[in-house]
Amino acid sequence: MVDRESLWQLLQQHLQQLKTEIEAEDYIAAQQIAAQIHQGLSDFFTHAEEIDKTEWQPRLTDFNQQYSGLLQQLHQRSSAIYADSRALELGREAVQRYRQTEQQS
């Protein structure tokens, strides 16, 4: 039997790491940590004995709210970076086309 409290502590550490990576704008590392959290939650529910709802429900609810909020931040920031990089790419293409038309004139 896997010790539920140890799994919980590991999940808490990963949650803090996720927050730190998002604040540091290291979104690749943040995505990797999110995957570890996902696996950790799976292990928590798979390997631990039946959950005492009075003990764990408040803790899980709080964790879920924090985790969901961090995932939303990660998604928003990653989407913004993609949009910025796409805009730069389109701008470069426009400049290149402009230069080609200038050379042809």
PDB file of N, CA and C in Angstrom:
ATOM      1  N   MET A   1       0.840  -1.173   0.000  1.00  0.00           N
ATOM      2  CA  MET A   1       0.000   0.000   0.000  1.00  0.00           C
ATOM      3  C   MET A   1       0.894   1.249   0.000  1.00  0.00           C
ATOM      4  N   VAL A   2       0.605   2.176  -0.856  1.00  0.00           N
ATOM      5  CA  VAL A   2       1.351   3.423  -0.940  1.00  0.00           C
ATOM      6  C   VAL A   2       0.850   4.365   0.148  1.00  0.00           C
ATOM      7  N   ASP A   3       1.765   5.032   0.790  1.00  0.00           N
ATOM      8  CA  ASP A   3       1.403   5.966   1.855  1.00  0.00           C
ATOM      9  C   ASP A   3       0.756   7.214   1.253  1.00  0.00           C
ATOM     10  N   ARG A   4      -0.499   7.395   1.558  1.00  0.00           N
ATOM     11  CA  ARG A   4      -1.255   8.516   1.001  1.00  0.00           C
ATOM     12  C   ARG A   4      -0.656   9.867   1.417  1.00  0.00           C
ATOM     13  N   GLU A   5      -0.214   9.974   2.639  1.00  0.00           N
ATOM     14  CA  GLU A   5       0.340  11.240   3.116  1.00  0.00           C
ATOM     15  C   GLU A   5       1.609  11.616   2.343  1.00  0.00           C
ATOM     16  N   SER A   6       2.436  10.618   2.024  1.00  0.00           N
ATOM     17  CA  SER A   6       3.644  10.876   1.222  1.00  0.00           C
ATOM     18  C   SER A   6       3.270  11.343  -0.182  1.00  0.00           C
ATOM     19  N   LEU A   7       2.276  10.687  -0.769  1.00  0.00           N
ATOM     20  CA  LEU A   7       1.797  11.125  -2.087  1.00  0.00           C
ATOM     21  C   LEU A   7       1.275  12.550  -2.018  1.00  0.00           C
ATOM     22  N   TRP A   8       0.555  12.852  -0.950  1.00  0.00           N
ATOM     23  CA  TRP A   8      -0.011  14.188  -0.794  1.00  0.00           C
ATOM     24  C   TRP A   8       1.096  15.236  -0.695  1.00  0.00           C
ATOM     25  N   GLN A   9       2.120  14.949   0.086  1.00  0.00           N
ATOM     26  CA  GLN A   9       3.237  15.886   0.222  1.00  0.00           C
ATOM     27  C   GLN A   9       3.929  16.108  -1.124  1.00  0.00           C
ATOM     28  N   LEU A  10       4.093  15.050  -1.889  1.00  0.00           N
ATOM     29  CA  LEU A  10       4.695  15.166  -3.211  1.00  0.00           C
ATOM     30  C   LEU A  10       3.828  16.022  -4.138  1.00  0.00           C
ATOM     31  N   LEU A  11       2.515  15.826  -4.073  1.00  0.00           N
ATOM     32  CA  LEU A  11       1.599  16.652  -4.873  1.00  0.00           C
ATOM     33  C   LEU A  11       1.704  18.124  -4.477  1.00  0.00           C
ATOM     34  N   GLN A  12       1.798  18.390  -3.197  1.00  0.00           N
ATOM     35  CA  GLN A  12       1.930  19.770  -2.724  1.00  0.00           C
ATOM     36  C   GLN A  12       3.234  20.399  -3.233  1.00  0.00           C
ATOM     37  N   GLN A  13       4.316  19.617  -3.221  1.00  0.00           N
ATOM     38  CA  GLN A  13       5.599  20.112  -3.730  1.00  0.00           C
ATOM     39  C   GLN A  13       5.509  20.415  -5.219  1.00  0.00           C
ATOM     40  N   HIS A  14       4.880  19.512  -5.963  1.00  0.00           N
ATOM     41  CA  HIS A  14       4.711  19.726  -7.402  1.00  0.00           C
ATOM     42  C   HIS A  14       3.850  20.956  -7.673  1.00  0.00           C
ATOM     43  N   LEU A  15       2.815  21.151  -6.880  1.00  0.00           N
ATOM     44  CA  LEU A  15       1.954  22.322  -7.059  1.00  0.00           C
ATOM     45  C   LEU A  15       2.757  23.609  -6.862  1.00  0.00           C
ATOM     46  N   GLN A  16       3.609  23.639  -5.846  1.00  0.00           N
ATOM     47  CA  GLN A  16       4.444  24.814  -5.606  1.00  0.00           C
ATOM     48  C   GLN A  16       5.445  24.998  -6.746  1.00  0.00           C
ATOM     49  N   GLN A  17       6.010  23.897  -7.246  1.00  0.00           N
ATOM     50  CA  GLN A  17       6.937  23.970  -8.381  1.00  0.00           C
ATOM     51  C   GLN A  17       6.235  24.530  -9.614  1.00  0.00           C
ATOM     52  N   LEU A  18       5.012  24.080  -9.837  1.00  0.00           N
ATOM     53  CA  LEU A  18       4.238  24.554 -10.986  1.00  0.00           C
ATOM     54  C   LEU A  18       4.047  26.065 -10.900  1.00  0.00           C
ATOM     55  N   LYS A  19       3.687  26.541  -9.723  1.00  0.00           N
ATOM     56  CA  LYS A  19       3.504  27.977  -9.517  1.00  0.00           C
ATOM     57  C   LYS A  19       4.809  28.732  -9.792  1.00  0.00           C
ATOM     58  N   THR A  20       5.907  28.204  -9.287  1.00  0.00           N
ATOM     59  CA  THR A  20       7.217  28.840  -9.470  1.00  0.00           C
ATOM     60  C   THR A  20       7.600  28.899 -10.952  1.00  0.00           C
ATOM     61  N   GLU A  21       7.387  27.808 -11.673  1.00  0.00           N
ATOM     62  CA  GLU A  21       7.749  27.771 -13.098  1.00  0.00           C
ATOM     63  C   GLU A  21       6.881  28.722 -13.923  1.00  0.00           C
ATOM     64  N   ILE A  22       5.614  28.819 -13.583  1.00  0.00           N
ATOM     65  CA  ILE A  22       4.741  29.751 -14.306  1.00  0.00           C
ATOM     66  C   ILE A  22       5.184  31.182 -14.041  1.00  0.00           C
ATOM     67  N   GLU A  23       5.496  31.494 -12.786  1.00  0.00           N
ATOM     68  CA  GLU A  23       5.974  32.836 -12.456  1.00  0.00           C
ATOM     69  C   GLU A  23       7.292  33.149 -13.151  1.00  0.00           C
ATOM     70  N   ALA A  24       8.137  32.131 -13.341  1.00  0.00           N
ATOM     71  CA  ALA A  24       9.429  32.299 -14.013  1.00  0.00           C
ATOM     72  C   ALA A  24       9.285  32.266 -15.536  1.00  0.00           C
ATOM     73  N   GLU A  25       8.065  32.053 -15.998  1.00  0.00           N
ATOM     74  CA  GLU A  25       7.739  31.981 -17.422  1.00  0.00           C
ATOM     75  C   GLU A  25       8.473  30.847 -18.136  1.00  0.00           C
ATOM     76  N   ASP A  26       8.715  29.755 -17.402  1.00  0.00           N
ATOM     77  CA  ASP A  26       9.295  28.542 -17.995  1.00  0.00           C
ATOM     78  C   ASP A  26       8.139  27.580 -18.235  1.00  0.00           C
ATOM     79  N   TYR A  27       7.460  27.776 -19.363  1.00  0.00           N
ATOM     80  CA  TYR A  27       6.222  27.062 -19.614  1.00  0.00           C
ATOM     81  C   TYR A  27       6.432  25.603 -20.001  1.00  0.00           C
ATOM     82  N   ILE A  28       7.578  25.295 -20.555  1.00  0.00           N
ATOM     83  CA  ILE A  28       7.869  23.896 -20.874  1.00  0.00           C
ATOM     84  C   ILE A  28       8.031  23.113 -19.576  1.00  0.00           C
ATOM     85  N   ALA A  29       8.806  23.644 -18.651  1.00  0.00           N
ATOM     86  CA  ALA A  29       8.964  22.985 -17.348  1.00  0.00           C
ATOM     87  C   ALA A  29       7.620  22.913 -16.627  1.00  0.00           C
ATOM     88  N   ALA A  30       6.826  23.954 -16.727  1.00  0.00           N
ATOM     89  CA  ALA A  30       5.512  23.967 -16.080  1.00  0.00           C
ATOM     90  C   ALA A  30       4.616  22.865 -16.640  1.00  0.00           C
ATOM     91  N   GLN A  31       4.672  22.666 -17.942  1.00  0.00           N
ATOM     92  CA  GLN A  31       3.862  21.605 -18.544  1.00  0.00           C
ATOM     93  C   GLN A  31       4.331  20.226 -18.075  1.00  0.00           C
ATOM     94  N   GLN A  32       5.624  20.062 -17.914  1.00  0.00           N
ATOM     95  CA  GLN A  32       6.156  18.788 -17.428  1.00  0.00           C
ATOM     96  C   GLN A  32       5.714  18.532 -15.987  1.00  0.00           C
ATOM     97  N   ILE A  33       5.728  19.575 -15.174  1.00  0.00           N
ATOM     98  CA  ILE A  33       5.296  19.433 -13.782  1.00  0.00           C
ATOM     99  C   ILE A  33       3.796  19.148 -13.722  1.00  0.00           C
ATOM    100  N   ALA A  34       3.022  19.792 -14.583  1.00  0.00           N
ATOM    101  CA  ALA A  34       1.582  19.515 -14.630  1.00  0.00           C
ATOM    102  C   ALA A  34       1.335  18.045 -14.953  1.00  0.00           C
ATOM    103  N   ALA A  35       2.140  17.491 -15.837  1.00  0.00           N
ATOM    104  CA  ALA A  35       2.010  16.064 -16.165  1.00  0.00           C
ATOM    105  C   ALA A  35       2.350  15.201 -14.947  1.00  0.00           C
ATOM    106  N   GLN A  36       3.350  15.617 -14.173  1.00  0.00           N
ATOM    107  CA  GLN A  36       3.698  14.881 -12.955  1.00  0.00           C
ATOM    108  C   GLN A  36       2.561  14.960 -11.938  1.00  0.00           C
ATOM    109  N   ILE A  37       1.935  16.115 -11.846  1.00  0.00           N
ATOM    110  CA  ILE A  37       0.798  16.261 -10.932  1.00  0.00           C
ATOM    111  C   ILE A  37      -0.341  15.348 -11.371  1.00  0.00           C
ATOM    112  N   HIS A  38      -0.613  15.332 -12.652  1.00  0.00           N
ATOM    113  CA  HIS A  38      -1.675  14.472 -13.174  1.00  0.00           C
ATOM    114  C   HIS A  38      -1.405  13.013 -12.807  1.00  0.00           C
ATOM    115  N   GLN A  39      -0.160  12.569 -13.005  1.00  0.00           N
ATOM    116  CA  GLN A  39       0.207  11.200 -12.657  1.00  0.00           C
ATOM    117  C   GLN A  39       0.113  10.987 -11.147  1.00  0.00           C
ATOM    118  N   GLY A  40       0.542  11.979 -10.385  1.00  0.00           N
ATOM    119  CA  GLY A  40       0.478  11.873  -8.926  1.00  0.00           C
ATOM    120  C   GLY A  40      -0.951  11.757  -8.414  1.00  0.00           C
ATOM    121  N   LEU A  41      -1.851  12.505  -9.026  1.00  0.00           N
ATOM    122  CA  LEU A  41      -3.262  12.391  -8.640  1.00  0.00           C
ATOM    123  C   LEU A  41      -3.804  11.011  -8.979  1.00  0.00           C
ATOM    124  N   SER A  42      -3.412  10.508 -10.128  1.00  0.00           N
ATOM    125  CA  SER A  42      -3.833   9.163 -10.512  1.00  0.00           C
ATOM    126  C   SER A  42      -3.329   8.140  -9.493  1.00  0.00           C
ATOM    127  N   ASP A  43      -2.060   8.251  -9.109  1.00  0.00           N
ATOM    128  CA  ASP A  43      -1.492   7.352  -8.102  1.00  0.00           C
ATOM    129  C   ASP A  43      -2.211   7.506  -6.766  1.00  0.00           C
ATOM    130  N   PHE A  44      -2.507   8.746  -6.406  1.00  0.00           N
ATOM    131  CA  PHE A  44      -3.176   9.021  -5.137  1.00  0.00           C
ATOM    132  C   PHE A  44      -4.498   8.271  -5.046  1.00  0.00           C
ATOM    133  N   PHE A  45      -5.272   8.314  -6.115  1.00  0.00           N
ATOM    134  CA  PHE A  45      -6.583   7.676  -6.089  1.00  0.00           C
ATOM    135  C   PHE A  45      -6.523   6.180  -6.390  1.00  0.00           C
ATOM    136  N   THR A  46      -5.510   5.740  -7.110  1.00  0.00           N
ATOM    137  CA  THR A  46      -5.404   4.334  -7.490  1.00  0.00           C
ATOM    138  C   THR A  46      -4.819   3.479  -6.373  1.00  0.00           C
ATOM    139  N   HIS A  47      -3.746   3.959  -5.766  1.00  0.00           N
ATOM    140  CA  HIS A  47      -2.986   3.124  -4.841  1.00  0.00           C
ATOM    141  C   HIS A  47      -3.338   3.321  -3.374  1.00  0.00           C
ATOM    142  N   ALA A  48      -4.004   4.374  -3.061  1.00  0.00           N
ATOM    143  CA  ALA A  48      -4.343   4.630  -1.668  1.00  0.00           C
ATOM    144  C   ALA A  48      -5.644   3.908  -1.311  1.00  0.00           C
ATOM    145  N   GLU A  49      -5.771   3.557  -0.049  1.00  0.00           N
ATOM    146  CA  GLU A  49      -6.992   2.902   0.390  1.00  0.00           C
ATOM    147  C   GLU A  49      -8.170   3.862   0.274  1.00  0.00           C
ATOM    148  N   GLU A  50      -9.354   3.397   0.567  1.00  0.00           N
ATOM    149  CA  GLU A  50     -10.554   4.230   0.422  1.00  0.00           C
ATOM    150  C   GLU A  50     -10.370   5.551   1.159  1.00  0.00           C
ATOM    151  N   ILE A  51     -10.825   6.600   0.541  1.00  0.00           N
ATOM    152  CA  ILE A  51     -10.609   7.948   1.059  1.00  0.00           C
ATOM    153  C   ILE A  51     -11.664   8.302   2.096  1.00  0.00           C
ATOM    154  N   ASP A  52     -11.185   8.800   3.222  1.00  0.00           N
ATOM    155  CA  ASP A  52     -12.075   9.328   4.256  1.00  0.00           C
ATOM    156  C   ASP A  52     -12.486  10.731   3.820  1.00  0.00           C
ATOM    157  N   LYS A  53     -13.719  10.866   3.367  1.00  0.00           N
ATOM    158  CA  LYS A  53     -14.170  12.129   2.784  1.00  0.00           C
ATOM    159  C   LYS A  53     -14.100  13.299   3.751  1.00  0.00           C
ATOM    160  N   THR A  54     -14.352  13.062   5.016  1.00  0.00           N
ATOM    161  CA  THR A  54     -14.312  14.182   5.967  1.00  0.00           C
ATOM    162  C   THR A  54     -12.893  14.715   6.119  1.00  0.00           C
ATOM    163  N   GLU A  55     -11.916  13.837   5.996  1.00  0.00           N
ATOM    164  CA  GLU A  55     -10.520  14.270   6.126  1.00  0.00           C
ATOM    165  C   GLU A  55      -9.991  14.856   4.828  1.00  0.00           C
ATOM    166  N   TRP A  56     -10.275  14.202   3.702  1.00  0.00           N
ATOM    167  CA  TRP A  56      -9.613  14.543   2.445  1.00  0.00           C
ATOM    168  C   TRP A  56     -10.394  15.495   1.551  1.00  0.00           C
ATOM    169  N   GLN A  57     -11.692  15.537   1.663  1.00  0.00           N
ATOM    170  CA  GLN A  57     -12.474  16.377   0.748  1.00  0.00           C
ATOM    171  C   GLN A  57     -12.059  17.848   0.779  1.00  0.00           C
ATOM    172  N   PRO A  58     -11.919  18.471   1.957  1.00  0.00           N
ATOM    173  CA  PRO A  58     -11.487  19.883   1.962  1.00  0.00           C
ATOM    174  C   PRO A  58     -10.094  20.081   1.365  1.00  0.00           C
ATOM    175  N   ARG A  59      -9.195  19.157   1.645  1.00  0.00           N
ATOM    176  CA  ARG A  59      -7.832  19.260   1.124  1.00  0.00           C
ATOM    177  C   ARG A  59      -7.827  19.099  -0.395  1.00  0.00           C
ATOM    178  N   LEU A  60      -8.581  18.134  -0.877  1.00  0.00           N
ATOM    179  CA  LEU A  60      -8.644  17.901  -2.320  1.00  0.00           C
ATOM    180  C   LEU A  60      -9.335  19.054  -3.047  1.00  0.00           C
ATOM    181  N   THR A  61     -10.356  19.603  -2.445  1.00  0.00           N
ATOM    182  CA  THR A  61     -11.058  20.743  -3.048  1.00  0.00           C
ATOM    183  C   THR A  61     -10.119  21.934  -3.167  1.00  0.00           C
ATOM    184  N   ASP A  62      -9.385  22.233  -2.101  1.00  0.00           N
ATOM    185  CA  ASP A  62      -8.429  23.345  -2.128  1.00  0.00           C
ATOM    186  C   ASP A  62      -7.339  23.098  -3.168  1.00  0.00           C
ATOM    187  N   PHE A  63      -6.812  21.882  -3.200  1.00  0.00           N
ATOM    188  CA  PHE A  63      -5.782  21.532  -4.173  1.00  0.00           C
ATOM    189  C   PHE A  63      -6.311  21.704  -5.586  1.00  0.00           C
ATOM    190  N   ASN A  64      -7.500  21.216  -5.830  1.00  0.00           N
ATOM    191  CA  ASN A  64      -8.104  21.300  -7.163  1.00  0.00           C
ATOM    192  C   ASN A  64      -8.289  22.751  -7.596  1.00  0.00           C
ATOM    193  N   GLN A  65      -8.722  23.599  -6.687  1.00  0.00           N
ATOM    194  CA  GLN A  65      -8.895  25.018  -7.028  1.00  0.00           C
ATOM    195  C   GLN A  65      -7.559  25.655  -7.392  1.00  0.00           C
ATOM    196  N   GLN A  66      -6.531  25.382  -6.607  1.00  0.00           N
ATOM    197  CA  GLN A  66      -5.207  25.938  -6.905  1.00  0.00           C
ATOM    198  C   GLN A  66      -4.663  25.399  -8.229  1.00  0.00           C
ATOM    199  N   TYR A  67      -4.772  24.094  -8.408  1.00  0.00           N
ATOM    200  CA  TYR A  67      -4.253  23.441  -9.607  1.00  0.00           C
ATOM    201  C   TYR A  67      -4.985  23.945 -10.849  1.00  0.00           C
ATOM    202  N   SER A  68      -6.291  24.022 -10.778  1.00  0.00           N
ATOM    203  CA  SER A  68      -7.081  24.519 -11.912  1.00  0.00           C
ATOM    204  C   SER A  68      -6.699  25.950 -12.265  1.00  0.00           C
ATOM    205  N   GLY A  69      -6.524  26.779 -11.260  1.00  0.00           N
ATOM    206  CA  GLY A  69      -6.123  28.164 -11.492  1.00  0.00           C
ATOM    207  C   GLY A  69      -4.758  28.260 -12.157  1.00  0.00           C
ATOM    208  N   LEU A  70      -3.821  27.445 -11.695  1.00  0.00           N
ATOM    209  CA  LEU A  70      -2.476  27.451 -12.291  1.00  0.00           C
ATOM    210  C   LEU A  70      -2.503  26.929 -13.723  1.00  0.00           C
ATOM    211  N   LEU A  71      -3.295  25.899 -13.972  1.00  0.00           N
ATOM    212  CA  LEU A  71      -3.407  25.393 -15.344  1.00  0.00           C
ATOM    213  C   LEU A  71      -4.015  26.439 -16.264  1.00  0.00           C
ATOM    214  N   GLN A  72      -4.977  27.189 -15.751  1.00  0.00           N
ATOM    215  CA  GLN A  72      -5.589  28.258 -16.555  1.00  0.00           C
ATOM    216  C   GLN A  72      -4.553  29.339 -16.872  1.00  0.00           C
ATOM    217  N   GLN A  73      -3.754  29.716 -15.879  1.00  0.00           N
ATOM    218  CA  GLN A  73      -2.684  30.694 -16.126  1.00  0.00           C
ATOM    219  C   GLN A  73      -1.703  30.178 -17.164  1.00  0.00           C
ATOM    220  N   LEU A  74      -1.318  28.929 -17.018  1.00  0.00           N
ATOM    221  CA  LEU A  74      -0.372  28.320 -17.962  1.00  0.00           C
ATOM    222  C   LEU A  74      -0.941  28.347 -19.369  1.00  0.00           C
ATOM    223  N   HIS A  75      -2.191  27.979 -19.497  1.00  0.00           N
ATOM    224  CA  HIS A  75      -2.831  27.973 -20.814  1.00  0.00           C
ATOM    225  C   HIS A  75      -2.898  29.386 -21.404  1.00  0.00           C
ATOM    226  N   GLN A  76      -3.310  30.350 -20.599  1.00  0.00           N
ATOM    227  CA  GLN A  76      -3.414  31.728 -21.091  1.00  0.00           C
ATOM    228  C   GLN A  76      -2.067  32.272 -21.521  1.00  0.00           C
ATOM    229  N   ARG A  77      -1.057  32.048 -20.713  1.00  0.00           N
ATOM    230  CA  ARG A  77       0.270  32.579 -21.036  1.00  0.00           C
ATOM    231  C   ARG A  77       0.878  31.863 -22.237  1.00  0.00           C
ATOM    232  N   SER A  78       0.689  30.560 -22.300  1.00  0.00           N
ATOM    233  CA  SER A  78       1.197  29.804 -23.447  1.00  0.00           C
ATOM    234  C   SER A  78       0.498  30.248 -24.727  1.00  0.00           C
ATOM    235  N   SER A  79      -0.805  30.471 -24.653  1.00  0.00           N
ATOM    236  CA  SER A  79      -1.560  30.936 -25.821  1.00  0.00           C
ATOM    237  C   SER A  79      -1.099  32.318 -26.256  1.00  0.00           C
ATOM    238  N   ALA A  80      -0.830  33.183 -25.296  1.00  0.00           N
ATOM    239  CA  ALA A  80      -0.363  34.528 -25.626  1.00  0.00           C
ATOM    240  C   ALA A  80       1.001  34.472 -26.301  1.00  0.00           C
ATOM    241  N   ILE A  81       1.872  33.615 -25.813  1.00  0.00           N
ATOM    242  CA  ILE A  81       3.195  33.482 -26.423  1.00  0.00           C
ATOM    243  C   ILE A  81       3.060  32.957 -27.845  1.00  0.00           C
ATOM    244  N   TYR A  82       2.194  31.970 -28.042  1.00  0.00           N
ATOM    245  CA  TYR A  82       1.983  31.441 -29.391  1.00  0.00           C
ATOM    246  C   TYR A  82       1.459  32.538 -30.307  1.00  0.00           C
ATOM    247  N   ALA A  83       0.503  33.322 -29.821  1.00  0.00           N
ATOM    248  CA  ALA A  83      -0.063  34.403 -30.641  1.00  0.00           C
ATOM    249  C   ALA A  83       1.014  35.426 -30.982  1.00  0.00           C
ATOM    250  N   ASP A  84       1.854  35.783 -30.007  1.00  0.00           N
ATOM    251  CA  ASP A  84       2.945  36.728 -30.263  1.00  0.00           C
ATOM    252  C   ASP A  84       3.931  36.179 -31.284  1.00  0.00           C
ATOM    253  N   SER A  85       4.294  34.909 -31.135  1.00  0.00           N
ATOM    254  CA  SER A  85       5.264  34.330 -32.068  1.00  0.00           C
ATOM    255  C   SER A  85       4.653  34.221 -33.464  1.00  0.00           C
ATOM    256  N   ARG A  86       3.372  33.927 -33.554  1.00  0.00           N
ATOM    257  CA  ARG A  86       2.702  33.857 -34.860  1.00  0.00           C
ATOM    258  C   ARG A  86       2.648  35.243 -35.497  1.00  0.00           C
ATOM    259  N   ALA A  87       2.375  36.259 -34.695  1.00  0.00           N
ATOM    260  CA  ALA A  87       2.344  37.625 -35.219  1.00  0.00           C
ATOM    261  C   ALA A  87       3.722  38.022 -35.747  1.00  0.00           C
ATOM    262  N   LEU A  88       4.773  37.657 -35.029  1.00  0.00           N
ATOM    263  CA  LEU A  88       6.133  37.946 -35.497  1.00  0.00           C
ATOM    264  C   LEU A  88       6.422  37.232 -36.812  1.00  0.00           C
ATOM    265  N   GLU A  89       6.010  35.987 -36.895  1.00  0.00           N
ATOM    266  CA  GLU A  89       6.216  35.211 -38.113  1.00  0.00           C
ATOM    267  C   GLU A  89       5.487  35.859 -39.298  1.00  0.00           C
ATOM    268  N   LEU A  90       4.252  36.263 -39.077  1.00  0.00           N
ATOM    269  CA  LEU A  90       3.490  36.917 -40.141  1.00  0.00           C
ATOM    270  C   LEU A  90       4.126  38.247 -40.536  1.00  0.00           C
ATOM    271  N   GLY A  91       4.642  38.972 -39.550  1.00  0.00           N
ATOM    272  CA  GLY A  91       5.322  40.230 -39.825  1.00  0.00           C
ATOM    273  C   GLY A  91       6.571  40.022 -40.665  1.00  0.00           C
ATOM    274  N   ARG A  92       7.343  39.000 -40.340  1.00  0.00           N
ATOM    275  CA  ARG A  92       8.549  38.688 -41.126  1.00  0.00           C
ATOM    276  C   ARG A  92       8.176  38.344 -42.565  1.00  0.00           C
ATOM    277  N   GLU A  93       7.116  37.556 -42.721  1.00  0.00           N
ATOM    278  CA  GLU A  93       6.673  37.194 -44.064  1.00  0.00           C
ATOM    279  C   GLU A  93       6.250  38.429 -44.849  1.00  0.00           C
ATOM    280  N   ALA A  94       5.568  39.355 -44.199  1.00  0.00           N
ATOM    281  CA  ALA A  94       5.130  40.574 -44.878  1.00  0.00           C
ATOM    282  C   ALA A  94       6.325  41.425 -45.299  1.00  0.00           C
ATOM    283  N   VAL A  95       7.318  41.539 -44.420  1.00  0.00           N
ATOM    284  CA  VAL A  95       8.527  42.298 -44.752  1.00  0.00           C
ATOM    285  C   VAL A  95       9.250  41.648 -45.926  1.00  0.00           C
ATOM    286  N   GLN A  96       9.334  40.325 -45.895  1.00  0.00           N
ATOM    287  CA  GLN A  96      10.001  39.605 -46.985  1.00  0.00           C
ATOM    288  C   GLN A  96       9.272  39.842 -48.313  1.00  0.00           C
ATOM    289  N   ARG A  97       7.953  39.778 -48.315  1.00  0.00           N
ATOM    290  CA  ARG A  97       7.188  40.031 -49.543  1.00  0.00           C
ATOM    291  C   ARG A  97       7.379  41.466 -50.008  1.00  0.00           C
ATOM    292  N   TYR A  98       7.415  42.410 -49.079  1.00  0.00           N
ATOM    293  CA  TYR A  98       7.620  43.811 -49.428  1.00  0.00           C
ATOM    294  C   TYR A  98       8.987  43.998 -50.091  1.00  0.00           C
ATOM    295  N   ARG A  99      10.009  43.380 -49.516  1.00  0.00           N
ATOM    296  CA  ARG A  99      11.356  43.495 -50.078  1.00  0.00           C
ATOM    297  C   ARG A  99      11.418  42.881 -51.469  1.00  0.00           C
ATOM    298  N   GLN A 100      10.730  41.777 -51.653  1.00  0.00           N
ATOM    299  CA  GLN A 100      10.719  41.143 -52.976  1.00  0.00           C
ATOM    300  C   GLN A 100      10.037  42.049 -54.006  1.00  0.00           C
ATOM    301  N   THR A 101       8.939  42.686 -53.632  1.00  0.00           N
ATOM    302  CA  THR A 101       8.263  43.578 -54.584  1.00  0.00           C
ATOM    303  C   THR A 101       9.103  44.811 -54.852  1.00  0.00           C
ATOM    304  N   GLU A 102       9.844  45.281 -53.853  1.00  0.00           N
ATOM    305  CA  GLU A 102      10.724  46.431 -54.048  1.00  0.00           C
ATOM    306  C   GLU A 102      11.858  46.084 -55.021  1.00  0.00           C
ATOM    307  N   GLN A 103      12.397  44.876 -54.885  1.00  0.00           N
ATOM    308  CA  GLN A 103      13.481  44.448 -55.765  1.00  0.00           C
ATOM    309  C   GLN A 103      12.989  44.268 -57.197  1.00  0.00           C
ATOM    310  N   GLN A 104      11.757  43.862 -57.344  1.00  0.00           N
ATOM    311  CA  GLN A 104      11.203  43.646 -58.676  1.00  0.00           C
ATOM    312  C   GLN A 104      10.849  44.963 -59.359  1.00  0.00           C
ATOM    313  N   SER A 105      10.657  46.019 -58.605  1.00  0.00           N
ATOM    314  CA  SER A 105      10.260  47.308 -59.200  1.00  0.00           C
ATOM    315  C   SER A 105      11.407  48.035 -59.831  1.00  0.00           C
TER     316      SER A 105
END
